[in-house]
Amino acid sequence: MTLTNASISLKASDVAADACGVRPAGTAPVAASAAPAPTPTTQPRPGHDKFDRPFEETTVEQTPDGAFRRQRNAFTVRFGDQPGQAPVEAGRYHVLGALGCGWNRRQRIVIRLLGLWDAFTPEIVYGRDQDGWKLTKTPGGVAELFGYDRLNDFYRRTVGDRFTGRGTSPTVIDLSNGKVVTNNYHILSNDLETAWAPFHKQGAPDLYPQELRQEIDLLNQQLFDDVNNGTYKVNFATTRGAAQAAYTIFKARLADYDFRLASRRYLFGANYTDSDVRLFQTLESFELGYRPGFIRALGTEDIVHVWDYPNLWAYARDLFQTPGFIDEPELFELGYTPDEDGNYTRDPFTRDEGTTPQSVKDERKALYERWLEPAGREDLTGSQFYSGPGVGGSYELWKFGEYSNYYRA
């Protein structure tokens, strides 16, 4: 179970980096609160018990050399009709997550694109303290159905007193029994794209086409290691060397994708896929969510902007303007649009000398308008073949998920 930071007193620009549940070095495990704890289960849980892991890991997400290493997810049940899988039933599950969390926004994007909102409904968790994520009390939501006010309560309902960590974003809850199904954001979107196909809307895009799945998996592994999680490797490194190494790799990946996208509208050519959703989740929040942390971690203002890569920037705008890739609550949470009172949710610019509330609003408005500039990529198609992961011959040598038996999924 991924453990998280015990403190909720975060800097404004740290919110996106911390929203998915990270514990920096030096913080102590969070004890379970006194919320209702049903009878503990005695059955071993995949990914939780020591013998289910290839080796033992520490509870702090840092390596001895100061680099950030994200812990595994505890709940890894897949959706489908095979033994041990969660049955695909419309309306049976809600996925709970924070809007500031990229792993959760990924699921929300896929749900919108595929038309699954009513079949597999997202709920928002909206704040975190020593007792974990707070639930949003909405009609028909999990808080109303089960009388809980914390995500942690569902983890305790699932595993009893063996729960010693924190519920993470996103988490899927089974409404039939109030138990956690999965918090494995790595593969949840793939299940939504495949097992949940009977509930896709008419004309839904094929985000995980059969002929490209192995290539998509390989690229997704690189995207996670170096881009999605790469931002955390910079912001949560405890040594300057580890932060600099992660930043160097992050920039190299952006340069690679910039070249790849010079002749392709999307990463695999004419149609966007699951990989595009994963890359977009970081690009959409980089400027306001992660980049300010890069400045602090590396001790310099000389940090790249997304628009330093012209093809990548046009691609990001193209997706930003594509229905389904972002919605109004996310626009506000990410700091692009104000609330009804004209206030913005994040103000990293106020850390600079000479800024005023109005200058922050002006800067934020200007940034949003940049995202709305025409992308001019409509005529691009492009080949799916590239020299990167999965399309440069490596698919013949590597199979993503080869060691899945470690976790008895």
Protein backbone atom coordinates (compact mmCIF):
# COMPACT_ATOMS: atom_id res chain seq x y z
CA MET A 1 0.00 0.00 0.00
CA THR A 2 1.57 3.27 -1.01
CA LEU A 3 2.35 5.36 2.06
CA THR A 4 1.97 9.10 2.02
CA ASN A 5 3.16 12.32 3.57
CA ALA A 6 1.86 12.83 7.10
CA SER A 7 1.55 16.57 6.68
CA ILE A 8 -1.13 18.50 4.84
CA SER A 9 0.55 21.90 5.25
CA LEU A 10 1.89 22.06 1.71
CA LYS A 11 3.29 24.89 -0.37
CA ALA A 12 0.89 25.98 -3.09
CA SER A 13 3.12 24.68 -5.86
CA ASP A 14 3.63 21.33 -4.08
CA VAL A 15 -0.02 20.36 -4.30
CA ALA A 16 0.15 18.52 -7.62
CA ALA A 17 3.38 16.78 -6.66
CA ASP A 18 1.93 15.53 -3.39
CA ALA A 19 -1.67 14.96 -4.45
CA CYS A 20 -1.14 11.31 -5.38
CA GLY A 21 0.34 10.24 -2.07
CA VAL A 22 4.08 10.49 -1.52
CA ARG A 23 5.99 10.29 1.70
CA PRO A 24 9.22 12.33 1.67
CA ALA A 25 12.17 11.04 3.66
CA GLY A 26 12.04 11.59 7.40
CA THR A 27 8.28 11.39 7.87
CA ALA A 28 6.80 8.74 10.09
CA PRO A 29 4.13 6.21 9.17
CA VAL A 30 0.59 7.41 9.78
CA ALA A 31 -1.33 5.35 12.32
CA ALA A 32 -4.85 4.25 11.57
CA SER A 33 -7.48 6.52 13.08
CA ALA A 34 -10.33 5.41 15.30
CA ALA A 35 -12.86 5.15 12.46
CA PRO A 36 -15.02 2.00 12.25
CA ALA A 37 -12.92 -1.12 11.74
CA PRO A 38 -14.79 -4.22 10.59
CA THR A 39 -13.59 -7.72 11.39
CA PRO A 40 -10.07 -8.25 9.99
CA THR A 41 -9.62 -10.65 7.12
CA THR A 42 -7.19 -13.52 7.57
CA GLN A 43 -6.48 -14.09 3.90
CA PRO A 44 -3.17 -12.83 2.45
CA ARG A 45 -3.43 -9.85 0.14
CA PRO A 46 -1.51 -9.69 -3.16
CA GLY A 47 1.24 -7.09 -2.98
CA HIS A 48 0.83 -6.55 0.78
CA ASP A 49 2.43 -9.59 2.37
CA LYS A 50 6.20 -9.95 2.31
CA PHE A 51 6.19 -13.24 0.41
CA ASP A 52 4.29 -11.60 -2.44
CA ARG A 53 7.15 -9.22 -3.23
CA PRO A 54 10.43 -9.98 -5.02
CA PHE A 55 12.28 -8.24 -2.16
CA GLU A 56 11.52 -6.23 0.92
CA GLU A 57 11.23 -2.46 0.55
CA THR A 58 11.50 0.34 3.07
CA THR A 59 8.50 2.41 4.11
CA VAL A 60 10.19 5.65 3.01
CA GLU A 61 10.20 6.21 -0.73
CA GLN A 62 13.88 7.06 -1.05
CA THR A 63 16.89 4.99 -2.04
CA PRO A 64 20.19 5.19 -0.08
CA ASP A 65 21.60 7.62 -2.67
CA GLY A 66 18.73 10.08 -2.17
CA ALA A 67 16.65 9.18 -5.22
CA PHE A 68 12.88 8.85 -5.09
CA ARG A 69 11.50 5.31 -5.56
CA ARG A 70 7.73 5.01 -5.55
CA GLN A 71 6.24 2.11 -3.63
CA ARG A 72 3.98 -0.49 -5.18
CA ASN A 73 0.21 -0.41 -4.98
CA ALA A 74 -1.37 -2.88 -2.57
CA PHE A 75 -4.61 -3.72 -4.38
CA THR A 76 -4.11 -5.12 -7.87
CA VAL A 77 -7.34 -6.91 -8.79
CA ARG A 78 -8.16 -6.68 -12.48
CA PHE A 79 -11.61 -6.33 -14.06
CA GLY A 80 -12.95 -9.19 -16.16
CA ASP A 81 -14.68 -12.54 -16.15
CA GLN A 82 -11.74 -14.69 -15.08
CA PRO A 83 -11.34 -16.26 -11.61
CA GLY A 84 -10.19 -13.69 -9.08
CA GLN A 85 -11.17 -10.73 -11.26
CA ALA A 86 -13.77 -8.12 -10.37
CA PRO A 87 -16.94 -8.52 -12.45
CA VAL A 88 -17.74 -5.81 -14.97
CA GLU A 89 -21.08 -4.42 -13.82
CA ALA A 90 -22.24 -0.90 -14.67
CA GLY A 91 -22.94 1.21 -11.60
CA ARG A 92 -21.22 -1.14 -9.16
CA TYR A 93 -18.00 0.82 -8.70
CA HIS A 94 -16.86 4.35 -7.94
CA VAL A 95 -13.31 5.53 -8.41
CA LEU A 96 -12.21 8.01 -5.74
CA GLY A 97 -9.36 10.41 -6.32
CA ALA A 98 -7.98 13.92 -6.05
CA LEU A 99 -8.27 16.33 -8.96
CA GLY A 100 -4.69 17.41 -8.37
CA CYS A 101 -3.47 13.85 -8.82
CA GLY A 102 -2.28 12.95 -12.30
CA TRP A 103 -2.83 9.22 -11.74
CA ASN A 104 -6.48 10.01 -10.98
CA ARG A 105 -6.93 12.53 -13.81
CA ARG A 106 -5.72 9.81 -16.18
CA GLN A 107 -8.70 7.66 -15.20
CA ARG A 108 -11.10 10.61 -15.45
CA ILE A 109 -9.87 11.37 -18.98
CA VAL A 110 -10.33 7.77 -20.11
CA ILE A 111 -13.78 7.58 -18.48
CA ARG A 112 -14.87 10.77 -20.29
CA LEU A 113 -13.44 9.72 -23.65
CA LEU A 114 -15.11 6.30 -23.48
CA GLY A 115 -18.43 7.53 -22.10
CA LEU A 116 -18.19 5.50 -18.88
CA TRP A 117 -19.11 8.26 -16.44
CA ASP A 118 -22.42 6.67 -15.44
CA ALA A 119 -21.11 3.09 -15.56
CA PHE A 120 -17.88 3.69 -13.63
CA THR A 121 -18.36 6.92 -11.73
CA PRO A 122 -15.55 9.17 -10.46
CA GLU A 123 -15.81 10.83 -7.05
CA ILE A 124 -13.56 13.56 -5.71
CA VAL A 125 -11.57 13.37 -2.49
CA TYR A 126 -10.78 16.92 -1.55
CA GLY A 127 -8.27 17.25 1.25
CA ARG A 128 -5.93 15.24 3.42
CA ASP A 129 -4.73 15.36 7.02
CA GLN A 130 -3.45 12.85 9.56
CA ASP A 131 -6.60 10.77 9.07
CA GLY A 132 -6.22 10.58 5.31
CA TRP A 133 -8.31 11.76 2.37
CA LYS A 134 -11.69 13.36 3.07
CA LEU A 135 -14.70 12.15 1.12
CA THR A 136 -17.01 14.48 -0.76
CA LYS A 137 -20.55 14.03 0.55
CA THR A 138 -22.71 13.83 -2.56
CA PRO A 139 -26.08 12.11 -3.17
CA GLY A 140 -25.46 8.48 -4.03
CA GLY A 141 -21.78 8.78 -3.20
CA VAL A 142 -19.80 6.37 -1.06
CA ALA A 143 -19.87 8.67 1.99
CA GLU A 144 -23.66 8.64 1.98
CA LEU A 145 -23.93 4.91 1.24
CA PHE A 146 -21.58 3.72 3.97
CA GLY A 147 -21.57 6.58 6.48
CA TYR A 148 -17.84 7.13 6.21
CA ASP A 149 -16.03 10.42 5.85
CA ARG A 150 -12.51 9.16 5.03
CA LEU A 151 -11.06 7.05 2.25
CA ASN A 152 -9.05 5.20 4.91
CA ASP A 153 -12.29 3.78 6.32
CA PHE A 154 -12.74 1.67 3.18
CA TYR A 155 -9.19 0.34 3.45
CA ARG A 156 -9.87 -0.72 7.04
CA ARG A 157 -13.16 -2.26 5.94
CA THR A 158 -11.20 -4.31 3.41
CA VAL A 159 -8.20 -5.49 5.45
CA GLY A 160 -9.10 -4.67 9.06
CA ASP A 161 -6.34 -3.90 11.53
CA ARG A 162 -3.61 -4.79 9.04
CA PHE A 163 -4.15 -1.38 7.46
CA THR A 164 -1.30 0.85 8.65
CA GLY A 165 -0.86 3.22 5.73
CA ARG A 166 -3.09 5.62 3.85
CA GLY A 167 -5.65 5.26 1.16
CA THR A 168 -4.25 6.54 -2.11
CA SER A 169 -5.57 8.38 -5.15
CA PRO A 170 -7.18 6.85 -7.14
CA THR A 171 -8.96 4.00 -5.35
CA VAL A 172 -11.84 1.93 -6.73
CA ILE A 173 -14.60 1.04 -4.25
CA ASP A 174 -17.10 -1.77 -4.77
CA LEU A 175 -20.49 -0.32 -3.81
CA SER A 176 -21.90 -3.79 -3.18
CA ASN A 177 -19.70 -4.35 -0.13
CA GLY A 178 -17.76 -1.14 0.53
CA LYS A 179 -14.38 -2.77 -0.07
CA VAL A 180 -11.38 -1.60 -2.07
CA VAL A 181 -11.03 -3.34 -5.44
CA THR A 182 -7.86 -1.73 -6.71
CA ASN A 183 -5.60 1.27 -6.26
CA ASN A 184 -3.36 0.20 -9.13
CA TYR A 185 -3.48 3.27 -11.38
CA HIS A 186 -0.92 1.69 -13.73
CA ILE A 187 -3.39 -0.72 -15.32
CA LEU A 188 -6.81 0.61 -14.34
CA SER A 189 -7.15 2.65 -17.52
CA ASN A 190 -6.25 -0.44 -19.58
CA ASP A 191 -9.08 -2.36 -17.94
CA LEU A 192 -11.48 0.51 -18.66
CA GLU A 193 -10.36 0.42 -22.29
CA THR A 194 -10.81 -3.36 -22.68
CA ALA A 195 -12.90 -5.18 -20.08
CA TRP A 196 -15.39 -2.31 -19.94
CA ALA A 197 -15.83 -2.14 -23.73
CA PRO A 198 -19.49 -3.32 -23.56
CA PHE A 199 -20.32 -0.03 -21.86
CA HIS A 200 -18.34 2.30 -24.12
CA LYS A 201 -20.34 4.99 -25.86
CA GLN A 202 -21.02 4.69 -29.56
CA GLY A 203 -18.05 5.94 -31.52
CA ALA A 204 -15.67 5.82 -28.54
CA PRO A 205 -11.99 5.88 -29.51
CA ASP A 206 -9.96 2.69 -29.31
CA LEU A 207 -7.34 3.82 -26.80
CA TYR A 208 -5.68 0.42 -26.55
CA PRO A 209 -5.83 -1.17 -30.01
CA GLN A 210 -4.92 -4.84 -30.03
CA GLU A 211 -2.19 -4.50 -32.63
CA LEU A 212 -0.39 -1.80 -30.63
CA ARG A 213 -0.79 -3.05 -27.07
CA GLN A 214 2.72 -4.34 -26.57
CA GLU A 215 4.19 -1.17 -28.06
CA ILE A 216 1.89 0.99 -25.93
CA ASP A 217 2.86 -0.95 -22.79
CA LEU A 218 6.54 -0.41 -23.46
CA LEU A 219 6.15 3.29 -24.14
CA ASN A 220 3.94 3.63 -21.05
CA GLN A 221 6.69 2.11 -18.92
CA GLN A 222 9.10 4.76 -20.18
CA LEU A 223 6.53 7.50 -19.71
CA PHE A 224 5.96 6.45 -16.12
CA ASP A 225 9.61 6.04 -15.17
CA ASP A 226 10.97 9.18 -16.78
CA VAL A 227 8.09 11.65 -17.23
CA ASN A 228 5.04 10.97 -15.04
CA ASN A 229 7.08 9.74 -12.08
CA GLY A 230 10.11 11.71 -13.29
CA THR A 231 8.60 14.89 -11.88
CA TYR A 232 8.44 13.25 -8.45
CA LYS A 233 12.01 11.98 -8.83
CA VAL A 234 13.10 15.61 -9.12
CA ASN A 235 10.84 17.13 -6.49
CA PHE A 236 11.28 14.43 -3.86
CA ALA A 237 14.97 13.66 -4.27
CA THR A 238 16.94 14.24 -1.08
CA THR A 239 20.23 14.92 -2.84
CA ARG A 240 21.00 17.45 -5.56
CA GLY A 241 22.70 14.75 -7.63
CA ALA A 242 19.60 12.55 -7.68
CA ALA A 243 17.41 15.52 -8.62
CA GLN A 244 19.78 16.57 -11.41
CA ALA A 245 19.95 13.04 -12.84
CA ALA A 246 16.16 12.77 -12.92
CA TYR A 247 15.85 16.21 -14.50
CA THR A 248 18.39 15.36 -17.20
CA ILE A 249 16.41 12.26 -18.15
CA PHE A 250 13.11 14.16 -18.01
CA LYS A 251 14.41 16.78 -20.47
CA ALA A 252 15.80 14.09 -22.77
CA ARG A 253 12.41 12.39 -22.95
CA LEU A 254 10.65 15.65 -23.79
CA ALA A 255 13.18 16.28 -26.56
CA ASP A 256 12.64 12.76 -27.91
CA TYR A 257 8.84 13.14 -27.91
CA ASP A 258 9.17 16.59 -29.47
CA PHE A 259 10.99 15.04 -32.43
CA ARG A 260 8.58 12.12 -32.57
CA LEU A 261 5.63 14.52 -32.73
CA ALA A 262 7.11 16.66 -35.50
CA SER A 263 5.60 14.35 -38.11
CA ARG A 264 2.93 12.55 -36.08
CA ARG A 265 -0.21 14.10 -34.67
CA TYR A 266 -0.10 11.70 -31.72
CA LEU A 267 2.52 9.36 -30.28
CA PHE A 268 1.38 6.45 -32.45
CA GLY A 269 0.33 8.37 -35.53
CA ALA A 270 -3.11 9.53 -36.57
CA ASN A 271 -5.09 8.40 -33.49
CA TYR A 272 -4.55 9.14 -29.83
CA THR A 273 -4.08 6.20 -27.48
CA ASP A 274 -3.64 5.41 -23.81
CA SER A 275 -0.04 6.64 -24.11
CA ASP A 276 -1.20 10.10 -25.12
CA VAL A 277 -3.44 10.28 -22.06
CA ARG A 278 -0.45 9.42 -19.85
CA LEU A 279 1.85 11.98 -21.39
CA PHE A 280 -0.85 14.65 -21.27
CA GLN A 281 -1.48 14.12 -17.54
CA THR A 282 2.00 15.51 -16.83
CA LEU A 283 2.12 18.17 -19.53
CA GLU A 284 -1.17 19.75 -18.43
CA SER A 285 0.06 20.29 -14.87
CA PHE A 286 3.78 20.84 -15.36
CA GLU A 287 3.96 24.64 -15.45
CA LEU A 288 1.95 25.31 -12.29
CA GLY A 289 2.23 22.01 -10.46
CA TYR A 290 5.73 20.62 -10.93
CA ARG A 291 8.01 23.25 -12.42
CA PRO A 292 8.10 25.48 -9.28
CA GLY A 293 9.30 22.42 -7.34
CA PHE A 294 12.02 21.83 -9.93
CA ILE A 295 13.30 25.34 -9.30
CA ARG A 296 13.59 24.68 -5.57
CA ALA A 297 15.01 21.17 -5.93
CA LEU A 298 17.70 22.24 -8.40
CA GLY A 299 18.35 25.71 -7.01
CA THR A 300 17.97 27.49 -10.34
CA GLU A 301 15.33 29.36 -12.33
CA ASP A 302 16.79 27.88 -15.52
CA ILE A 303 14.16 25.14 -15.86
CA VAL A 304 12.54 24.17 -19.14
CA HIS A 305 8.99 25.15 -20.05
CA VAL A 306 6.68 22.91 -22.07
CA TRP A 307 6.70 25.54 -24.81
CA ASP A 308 10.47 25.17 -25.19
CA TYR A 309 9.59 22.10 -27.27
CA PRO A 310 7.45 23.49 -30.13
CA ASN A 311 6.00 20.21 -31.44
CA LEU A 312 5.32 18.89 -27.94
CA TRP A 313 3.70 22.19 -26.96
CA ALA A 314 1.43 22.20 -30.02
CA TYR A 315 0.55 18.56 -29.30
CA ALA A 316 -0.29 19.40 -25.67
CA ARG A 317 -2.56 22.25 -26.83
CA ASP A 318 -4.19 19.94 -29.36
CA LEU A 319 -5.14 17.49 -26.59
CA PHE A 320 -6.04 20.27 -24.15
CA GLN A 321 -8.62 21.49 -26.67
CA THR A 322 -9.93 18.00 -27.46
CA PRO A 323 -13.23 17.30 -25.64
CA GLY A 324 -12.68 14.85 -22.82
CA PHE A 325 -9.07 15.63 -21.99
CA ILE A 326 -9.87 18.25 -19.37
CA ASP A 327 -13.03 19.50 -17.67
CA GLU A 328 -14.01 22.56 -15.66
CA PRO A 329 -13.22 21.18 -12.18
CA GLU A 330 -9.75 20.17 -13.38
CA LEU A 331 -9.17 23.55 -15.04
CA PHE A 332 -9.81 25.20 -11.68
CA GLU A 333 -7.82 22.66 -9.66
CA LEU A 334 -4.81 22.97 -11.97
CA GLY A 335 -4.90 26.75 -11.67
CA TYR A 336 -5.99 27.78 -15.15
CA THR A 337 -9.40 29.26 -14.44
CA PRO A 338 -10.81 31.12 -11.40
CA ASP A 339 -13.79 30.33 -9.24
CA GLU A 340 -16.96 32.43 -9.26
CA ASP A 341 -15.21 35.02 -7.05
CA GLY A 342 -12.30 35.39 -9.45
CA ASN A 343 -9.84 33.52 -7.19
CA TYR A 344 -7.40 30.86 -8.33
CA THR A 345 -6.66 27.65 -6.50
CA ARG A 346 -2.87 27.86 -6.71
CA ASP A 347 -0.62 30.88 -6.56
CA PRO A 348 3.01 29.85 -7.08
CA PHE A 349 3.68 33.24 -8.70
CA THR A 350 3.14 34.96 -5.34
CA ARG A 351 6.48 33.53 -4.27
CA ASP A 352 8.22 35.96 -6.61
CA GLU A 353 9.08 39.43 -5.37
CA GLY A 354 6.94 42.20 -6.76
CA THR A 355 3.87 40.13 -7.49
CA THR A 356 0.41 41.23 -6.49
CA PRO A 357 -2.92 39.40 -6.42
CA GLN A 358 -3.85 41.11 -9.67
CA SER A 359 -0.56 40.27 -11.36
CA VAL A 360 -1.08 36.63 -10.42
CA LYS A 361 -4.55 36.70 -11.99
CA ASP A 362 -3.20 38.39 -15.11
CA GLU A 363 -0.41 35.83 -15.42
CA ARG A 364 -2.80 32.95 -14.92
CA LYS A 365 -5.24 34.29 -17.51
CA ALA A 366 -2.42 34.76 -20.01
CA LEU A 367 -1.21 31.20 -19.43
CA TYR A 368 -4.68 29.77 -20.01
CA GLU A 369 -5.01 31.78 -23.21
CA ARG A 370 -1.72 30.29 -24.43
CA TRP A 371 -3.22 26.83 -24.02
CA LEU A 372 -6.15 27.88 -26.21
CA GLU A 373 -4.02 29.05 -29.13
CA PRO A 374 -4.62 26.99 -32.31
CA ALA A 375 -2.46 23.88 -32.42
CA GLY A 376 -2.43 23.56 -36.22
CA ARG A 377 -1.90 19.79 -36.15
CA GLU A 378 -5.11 18.67 -37.81
CA ASP A 379 -3.43 17.67 -41.07
CA LEU A 380 -0.75 15.51 -39.44
CA THR A 381 -1.12 11.74 -39.50
CA GLY A 382 2.28 10.08 -39.32
CA SER A 383 3.61 6.60 -38.95
CA GLN A 384 3.28 4.46 -35.83
CA PHE A 385 6.87 3.32 -36.37
CA TYR A 386 9.57 5.08 -34.40
CA SER A 387 12.93 4.30 -32.83
CA GLY A 388 11.59 4.51 -29.30
CA PRO A 389 10.27 1.79 -26.95
CA GLY A 390 8.12 -0.82 -28.61
CA VAL A 391 8.55 0.42 -32.15
CA GLY A 392 12.30 0.07 -32.56
CA GLY A 393 12.43 -3.73 -32.36
CA SER A 394 12.54 -3.98 -28.58
CA TYR A 395 9.08 -5.53 -28.45
CA GLU A 396 10.68 -8.78 -29.60
CA LEU A 397 12.86 -8.86 -26.50
CA TRP A 398 10.77 -7.37 -23.71
CA LYS A 399 7.29 -8.10 -22.43
CA PHE A 400 5.78 -5.62 -20.00
CA GLY A 401 4.19 -7.50 -17.10
CA GLU A 402 6.41 -10.58 -17.48
CA TYR A 403 6.81 -10.76 -13.70
CA SER A 404 3.17 -10.25 -12.77
CA ASN A 405 3.16 -13.56 -10.88
CA TYR A 406 5.17 -11.87 -8.14
CA TYR A 407 1.92 -10.30 -7.01
CA ARG A 408 -0.51 -13.18 -7.48
CA ALA A 409 -2.95 -10.82 -9.17
